[in-house]
Amino acid sequence: MSTWIDVEGIPVAVFNIHGDFLAIEDECSHESYPLSDGDVEADTVICAKHGAQFSLRTGEALSAPAYEPVGTFPVRVENGRVQVRGSCTE
């Protein structure tokens, strides 16, 4: 399950993988398309537009047609609330 949020002007997709929350930029690096619309298999998201796959843990592009990674964001759960920090890593 995923949802998207705005973090300091950057669209971010937040995924719940069996209680482990992971956040990545919500834009495929191949062609601007929301990754939150894609299917999730294990800890990989598959872009719904062209099928590029990305690691939800590292942002690494795992398959063509994407070759560039997407940014990841630190996530924590505090008092039942999911919090995403605004600085991303690539």
C-alpha atoms as a PDB file:
ATOM      1  CA  MET A   1       0.000   0.000   0.000  1.00  0.00           C
ATOM      2  CA  SER A   2       1.272   3.471  -0.823  1.00  0.00           C
ATOM      3  CA  THR A   3       0.266   7.079  -0.526  1.00  0.00           C
ATOM      4  CA  TRP A   4       1.901  10.278  -1.681  1.00  0.00           C
ATOM      5  CA  ILE A   5       2.643  13.436   0.242  1.00  0.00           C
ATOM      6  CA  ASP A   6       4.353  16.752  -0.422  1.00  0.00           C
ATOM      7  CA  VAL A   7       7.631  17.198   1.465  1.00  0.00           C
ATOM      8  CA  GLU A   8       9.008  20.709   1.024  1.00  0.00           C
ATOM      9  CA  GLY A   9       7.686  20.873  -2.544  1.00  0.00           C
ATOM     10  CA  ILE A  10       8.854  17.370  -3.514  1.00  0.00           C
ATOM     11  CA  PRO A  11       6.275  14.651  -4.228  1.00  0.00           C
ATOM     12  CA  VAL A  12       7.098  11.669  -2.010  1.00  0.00           C
ATOM     13  CA  ALA A  13       5.577   8.180  -2.101  1.00  0.00           C
ATOM     14  CA  VAL A  14       5.326   6.403   1.250  1.00  0.00           C
ATOM     15  CA  PHE A  15       4.996   2.615   1.199  1.00  0.00           C
ATOM     16  CA  ASN A  16       4.019   0.291   4.038  1.00  0.00           C
ATOM     17  CA  ILE A  17       5.888  -2.982   3.537  1.00  0.00           C
ATOM     18  CA  HIS A  18       4.617  -5.267   6.317  1.00  0.00           C
ATOM     19  CA  GLY A  19       4.849  -2.456   8.886  1.00  0.00           C
ATOM     20  CA  ASP A  20       8.158  -1.087   7.557  1.00  0.00           C
ATOM     21  CA  PHE A  21       7.562   2.413   6.151  1.00  0.00           C
ATOM     22  CA  LEU A  22       9.733   3.477   3.201  1.00  0.00           C
ATOM     23  CA  ALA A  23       9.678   6.794   1.312  1.00  0.00           C
ATOM     24  CA  ILE A  24      11.013   7.633  -2.168  1.00  0.00           C
ATOM     25  CA  GLU A  25      10.558  10.434  -4.663  1.00  0.00           C
ATOM     26  CA  ASP A  26       7.177   9.914  -6.311  1.00  0.00           C
ATOM     27  CA  GLU A  27       8.468  10.409  -9.834  1.00  0.00           C
ATOM     28  CA  CYS A  28       9.983   7.810 -12.153  1.00  0.00           C
ATOM     29  CA  SER A  29      13.460   8.892 -13.258  1.00  0.00           C
ATOM     30  CA  HIS A  30      12.812   7.578 -16.783  1.00  0.00           C
ATOM     31  CA  GLU A  31       9.750   9.665 -17.497  1.00  0.00           C
ATOM     32  CA  SER A  32       7.919  11.878 -15.084  1.00  0.00           C
ATOM     33  CA  TYR A  33       5.220   9.520 -13.797  1.00  0.00           C
ATOM     34  CA  PRO A  34       4.083   8.852 -10.203  1.00  0.00           C
ATOM     35  CA  LEU A  35       5.625   5.734  -8.697  1.00  0.00           C
ATOM     36  CA  SER A  36       2.829   5.634  -6.115  1.00  0.00           C
ATOM     37  CA  ASP A  37       0.592   4.380  -8.968  1.00  0.00           C
ATOM     38  CA  GLY A  38       2.834   1.330  -9.487  1.00  0.00           C
ATOM     39  CA  ASP A  39       2.636  -2.219  -8.194  1.00  0.00           C
ATOM     40  CA  VAL A  40       4.833  -3.335  -5.308  1.00  0.00           C
ATOM     41  CA  GLU A  41       6.610  -6.686  -5.176  1.00  0.00           C
ATOM     42  CA  ALA A  42       8.595  -7.319  -1.978  1.00  0.00           C
ATOM     43  CA  ASP A  43      10.576  -4.059  -1.559  1.00  0.00           C
ATOM     44  CA  THR A  44      10.441  -3.034  -5.224  1.00  0.00           C
ATOM     45  CA  VAL A  45       8.008  -0.666  -6.948  1.00  0.00           C
ATOM     46  CA  ILE A  46       7.203  -1.110 -10.642  1.00  0.00           C
ATOM     47  CA  CYS A  47       6.383   2.061 -12.575  1.00  0.00           C
ATOM     48  CA  ALA A  48       2.889   1.739 -14.047  1.00  0.00           C
ATOM     49  CA  LYS A  49       3.856   3.616 -17.226  1.00  0.00           C
ATOM     50  CA  HIS A  50       6.841   1.676 -18.642  1.00  0.00           C
ATOM     51  CA  GLY A  51       7.630  -1.035 -16.089  1.00  0.00           C
ATOM     52  CA  ALA A  52      10.889   0.347 -14.683  1.00  0.00           C
ATOM     53  CA  GLN A  53      11.625  -1.092 -11.248  1.00  0.00           C
ATOM     54  CA  PHE A  54      13.077   0.743  -8.240  1.00  0.00           C
ATOM     55  CA  SER A  55      14.301  -0.396  -4.841  1.00  0.00           C
ATOM     56  CA  LEU A  56      12.125   1.117  -2.129  1.00  0.00           C
ATOM     57  CA  ARG A  57      15.076   0.859   0.285  1.00  0.00           C
ATOM     58  CA  THR A  58      17.795   2.537  -1.787  1.00  0.00           C
ATOM     59  CA  GLY A  59      16.000   4.267  -4.679  1.00  0.00           C
ATOM     60  CA  GLU A  60      18.240   2.353  -7.112  1.00  0.00           C
ATOM     61  CA  ALA A  61      16.874   1.824 -10.633  1.00  0.00           C
ATOM     62  CA  LEU A  62      16.727  -1.961 -11.013  1.00  0.00           C
ATOM     63  CA  SER A  63      15.571  -2.294 -14.611  1.00  0.00           C
ATOM     64  CA  ALA A  64      15.318  -0.474 -17.916  1.00  0.00           C
ATOM     65  CA  PRO A  65      14.062   1.841 -19.148  1.00  0.00           C
ATOM     66  CA  ALA A  66      15.154   3.688 -15.975  1.00  0.00           C
ATOM     67  CA  TYR A  67      18.871   4.004 -15.260  1.00  0.00           C
ATOM     68  CA  GLU A  68      18.953   6.864 -12.738  1.00  0.00           C
ATOM     69  CA  PRO A  69      17.960   6.356  -9.091  1.00  0.00           C
ATOM     70  CA  VAL A  70      15.233   8.232  -7.263  1.00  0.00           C
ATOM     71  CA  GLY A  71      15.784   9.901  -3.916  1.00  0.00           C
ATOM     72  CA  THR A  72      14.894   8.207  -0.644  1.00  0.00           C
ATOM     73  CA  PHE A  73      13.726   9.867   2.555  1.00  0.00           C
ATOM     74  CA  PRO A  74      14.222   8.925   6.205  1.00  0.00           C
ATOM     75  CA  VAL A  75      10.993   7.735   7.846  1.00  0.00           C
ATOM     76  CA  ARG A  76      10.099   7.163  11.469  1.00  0.00           C
ATOM     77  CA  VAL A  77       6.941   6.292  13.321  1.00  0.00           C
ATOM     78  CA  GLU A  78       6.382   8.239  16.508  1.00  0.00           C
ATOM     79  CA  ASN A  79       3.230   8.078  18.632  1.00  0.00           C
ATOM     80  CA  GLY A  80       1.469   6.218  15.812  1.00  0.00           C
ATOM     81  CA  ARG A  81       2.277   8.905  13.223  1.00  0.00           C
ATOM     82  CA  VAL A  82       4.461   8.347  10.167  1.00  0.00           C
ATOM     83  CA  GLN A  83       7.000  11.163   9.806  1.00  0.00           C
ATOM     84  CA  VAL A  84       9.113  11.811   6.715  1.00  0.00           C
ATOM     85  CA  ARG A  85      12.164  14.072   6.937  1.00  0.00           C
ATOM     86  CA  GLY A  86      12.492  16.640   4.161  1.00  0.00           C
ATOM     87  CA  SER A  87      16.055  15.913   3.007  1.00  0.00           C
ATOM     88  CA  CYS A  88      16.457  13.099   0.506  1.00  0.00           C
ATOM     89  CA  THR A  89      19.459  10.982  -0.446  1.00  0.00           C
ATOM     90  CA  GLU A  90      20.263   9.697  -3.907  1.00  0.00           C
END
